[in-house]
Protein backbone atom coordinates (compact mmCIF):
# COMPACT_ATOMS: atom_id res chain seq x y z
CA MET A 1 0.00 0.00 0.00
CA ALA A 2 1.33 3.42 -0.92
CA LYS A 3 2.13 5.70 1.99
CA ILE A 4 3.51 9.05 3.02
CA ALA A 5 6.98 8.50 4.45
CA THR A 6 9.92 10.59 5.61
CA ILE A 7 12.65 10.25 3.02
CA ASP A 8 15.70 12.50 2.81
CA GLY A 9 14.29 14.58 5.67
CA ALA A 10 10.97 15.40 3.99
CA GLU A 11 7.54 13.84 3.72
CA LYS A 12 7.14 12.17 0.34
CA ILE A 13 4.76 9.75 -1.29
CA ASN A 14 6.21 6.27 -1.58
CA VAL A 15 5.00 3.02 -3.11
CA SER A 16 5.15 -0.37 -1.42
CA GLY A 17 5.90 -2.37 -4.57
CA SER A 18 7.22 -1.71 -8.04
CA VAL A 19 4.92 -0.07 -10.60
CA GLY A 20 5.24 -0.36 -14.36
CA LYS A 21 6.96 -2.83 -16.64
CA ASN A 22 7.46 -6.17 -14.84
CA GLY A 23 6.23 -4.58 -11.63
CA VAL A 24 4.06 -5.90 -8.82
CA ASN A 25 1.52 -3.18 -9.72
CA PHE A 26 -0.56 -3.01 -6.54
CA LYS A 27 -3.67 -0.95 -7.27
CA ASP A 28 -2.91 1.76 -4.66
CA ASP A 29 0.68 2.11 -5.85
CA VAL A 30 -0.36 2.38 -9.51
CA MET A 31 -2.99 5.00 -8.61
CA VAL A 32 -0.39 7.11 -6.77
CA VAL A 33 2.10 6.92 -9.66
CA GLN A 34 -0.64 7.81 -12.16
CA ALA A 35 -1.63 10.83 -10.03
CA LEU A 36 1.98 12.01 -9.66
CA LEU A 37 2.45 11.74 -13.44
CA LYS A 38 -0.80 13.60 -14.17
CA TYR A 39 -0.27 16.27 -11.49
CA GLY A 40 2.55 18.35 -12.91
CA LEU A 41 3.78 16.84 -16.15
CA PRO A 42 1.01 18.10 -18.49
CA GLU A 43 2.22 21.64 -17.77
CA ARG A 44 5.72 20.89 -19.05
CA ARG A 45 6.17 21.74 -22.72
CA VAL A 46 7.42 18.29 -23.70
CA PHE A 47 4.29 16.61 -22.24
CA ARG A 48 1.62 19.09 -23.42
CA ASN A 49 0.32 16.89 -26.24
CA VAL A 50 0.52 13.63 -24.29
CA SER A 51 -2.60 11.82 -23.11
CA PHE A 52 -2.53 11.10 -19.36
CA PRO A 53 -4.72 8.31 -17.95
CA GLN A 54 -6.92 9.05 -14.97
CA PRO A 55 -5.56 7.70 -11.67
CA THR A 56 -7.59 4.48 -11.48
CA GLY A 57 -5.01 2.05 -10.16
CA THR A 58 -5.13 -0.09 -13.28
CA ILE A 59 -1.77 -0.49 -14.98
CA ASP A 60 -1.90 0.00 -18.74
CA ARG A 61 0.38 0.70 -21.69
CA ASP A 62 -0.13 4.46 -21.36
CA THR A 63 1.05 4.46 -17.74
CA ILE A 64 4.11 2.35 -18.58
CA ARG A 65 4.89 4.62 -21.55
CA LEU A 66 4.57 7.74 -19.37
CA ILE A 67 6.90 6.32 -16.73
CA ARG A 68 9.53 5.72 -19.42
CA GLN A 69 8.95 9.18 -20.93
CA PHE A 70 9.35 10.78 -17.50
CA GLN A 71 12.62 8.90 -16.92
CA GLU A 72 13.95 9.91 -20.34
CA HIS A 73 12.91 13.54 -19.83
CA TRP A 74 14.49 13.64 -16.38
CA ASN A 75 17.79 12.30 -17.71
CA ARG A 76 17.82 14.84 -20.55
CA THR A 77 17.25 17.79 -18.22
CA ASN A 78 19.30 16.79 -15.16
CA LYS A 79 23.04 16.30 -15.11
CA PHE A 80 23.68 14.89 -11.65
CA VAL A 81 20.99 12.32 -10.85
CA LYS A 82 20.24 9.85 -13.62
CA LEU A 83 17.26 7.53 -13.54
CA PRO A 84 17.23 4.00 -14.93
CA ILE A 85 15.15 4.01 -18.11
CA ASP A 86 13.23 0.86 -17.37
CA ALA A 87 9.58 2.07 -17.33
CA ARG A 88 9.39 1.08 -13.69
CA VAL A 89 8.92 2.92 -10.39
CA ASP A 90 10.46 1.14 -7.42
CA PRO A 91 9.92 1.99 -3.75
CA ALA A 92 12.33 4.45 -2.20
CA GLN A 93 14.01 3.40 1.01
CA GLU A 94 13.08 5.37 4.09
CA GLU A 95 15.57 7.18 6.34
CA GLY A 96 18.82 5.34 6.94
CA ARG A 97 18.31 2.61 4.33
CA GLN A 98 19.86 2.13 0.92
CA GLY A 99 17.97 1.35 -2.25
CA ASN A 100 17.07 2.47 -5.74
CA GLY A 101 13.68 4.15 -5.79
CA LYS A 102 15.02 7.19 -7.64
CA THR A 103 12.03 7.51 -9.98
CA ILE A 104 9.46 7.81 -7.17
CA LEU A 105 11.65 10.43 -5.49
CA LYS A 106 11.94 12.42 -8.71
CA LEU A 107 8.18 12.17 -9.31
CA ASN A 108 7.79 13.71 -5.85
CA ASP A 109 10.35 16.41 -6.69
CA ASN A 110 8.46 17.19 -9.90
CA ALA A 111 5.17 17.44 -7.97
CA PHE A 112 6.79 19.71 -5.38
CA GLU A 113 8.21 21.98 -8.09
CA TYR A 114 4.83 22.20 -9.86
CA TRP A 115 3.13 22.98 -6.54
CA LEU A 116 5.58 25.84 -5.92
CA LEU A 117 5.02 27.23 -9.42
CA LYS A 118 1.23 27.12 -8.81
CA GLY A 119 1.71 29.39 -5.79
CA ALA A 120 1.94 26.70 -3.10
CA PRO A 121 -1.81 26.15 -2.46
CA ASN A 122 -3.38 23.86 0.17
CA GLY A 123 -0.46 23.72 2.60
CA ASN A 124 1.84 21.32 0.74
CA TYR A 125 2.04 19.43 -2.54
CA ILE A 126 0.64 16.24 -1.03
CA ASN A 127 -2.50 18.04 0.20
CA ASP A 128 -2.86 19.71 -3.20
CA LEU A 129 -2.50 16.34 -4.94
CA LEU A 130 -5.18 14.83 -2.67
CA LYS A 131 -7.50 17.76 -3.39
CA ARG A 132 -7.03 17.36 -7.15
CA PHE A 133 -7.42 13.57 -7.05
CA PRO A 134 -9.84 12.76 -4.19
CA GLN A 135 -9.69 9.04 -5.01
CA LEU A 136 -6.23 9.06 -3.37
CA ASN A 137 -7.77 9.76 0.03
CA SER A 138 -8.71 6.09 0.33
CA VAL A 139 -5.08 5.14 -0.34
CA PHE A 140 -3.71 7.21 2.54
CA SER A 141 -6.57 6.85 5.03
CA GLU A 142 -5.96 4.74 8.08
CA GLY A 143 -7.92 1.52 7.83
CA VAL A 144 -9.30 -0.53 10.70
CA GLY A 145 -8.64 -4.07 11.76
CA SER A 146 -5.72 -6.29 10.88
CA LEU A 147 -6.42 -5.94 7.15
CA GLY A 148 -6.61 -2.13 7.26
CA PHE A 149 -10.00 -1.86 5.55
CA PRO A 150 -11.36 1.70 5.48
CA LEU A 151 -14.67 2.50 7.12
CA GLU A 152 -17.35 3.90 4.88
CA PRO A 153 -20.06 6.23 6.19
CA SER A 154 -23.32 4.53 7.04
CA ALA A 155 -26.87 5.71 6.70
CA PRO A 156 -27.98 7.92 9.59
CA ARG A 157 -29.49 6.27 12.65
CA VAL A 158 -28.33 2.70 12.20
CA GLY A 159 -29.00 0.06 14.81
CA THR A 160 -30.89 0.16 18.09
CA LEU A 161 -28.79 3.04 19.43
CA ASN A 162 -29.38 5.23 16.34
CA LEU A 163 -25.63 5.59 15.70
CA SER A 164 -23.94 6.33 12.41
CA LEU A 165 -20.38 6.11 11.09
CA ALA A 166 -19.03 9.43 9.85
């Protein structure tokens, strides 16, 4: 399950499994990657005529193609940090751990940069992303029970005590 984690001293969105070509492609992870791709990239000149899929959590050719295009674009425009061009987003390691996960970190950096250019609305880029794509709220909400299922609101006045879940 995707989560918000502290990485490199800042809160960032991370995936729990690989997304893209030959990835595990958990639905929540795919949805987060799709949202990060769709959040700021359409505003970049090189991506203006590209079709971006809605963040549904279903992996498809368009999502895999966009991951590769993002990696290629990043490598063309950045001299110091190069991404593997493998059409795959791997989890970043949290504080004090080593690992690849460069693409998810750079997707976060891209989202942060876009958020700043928009005038830094809604407190931080993660809040702005959640406002733009409300379907992500279920990804980051705390579930209940050992399986972490989210609670859904119930109809008013349920049961003999007239209680409802909000």
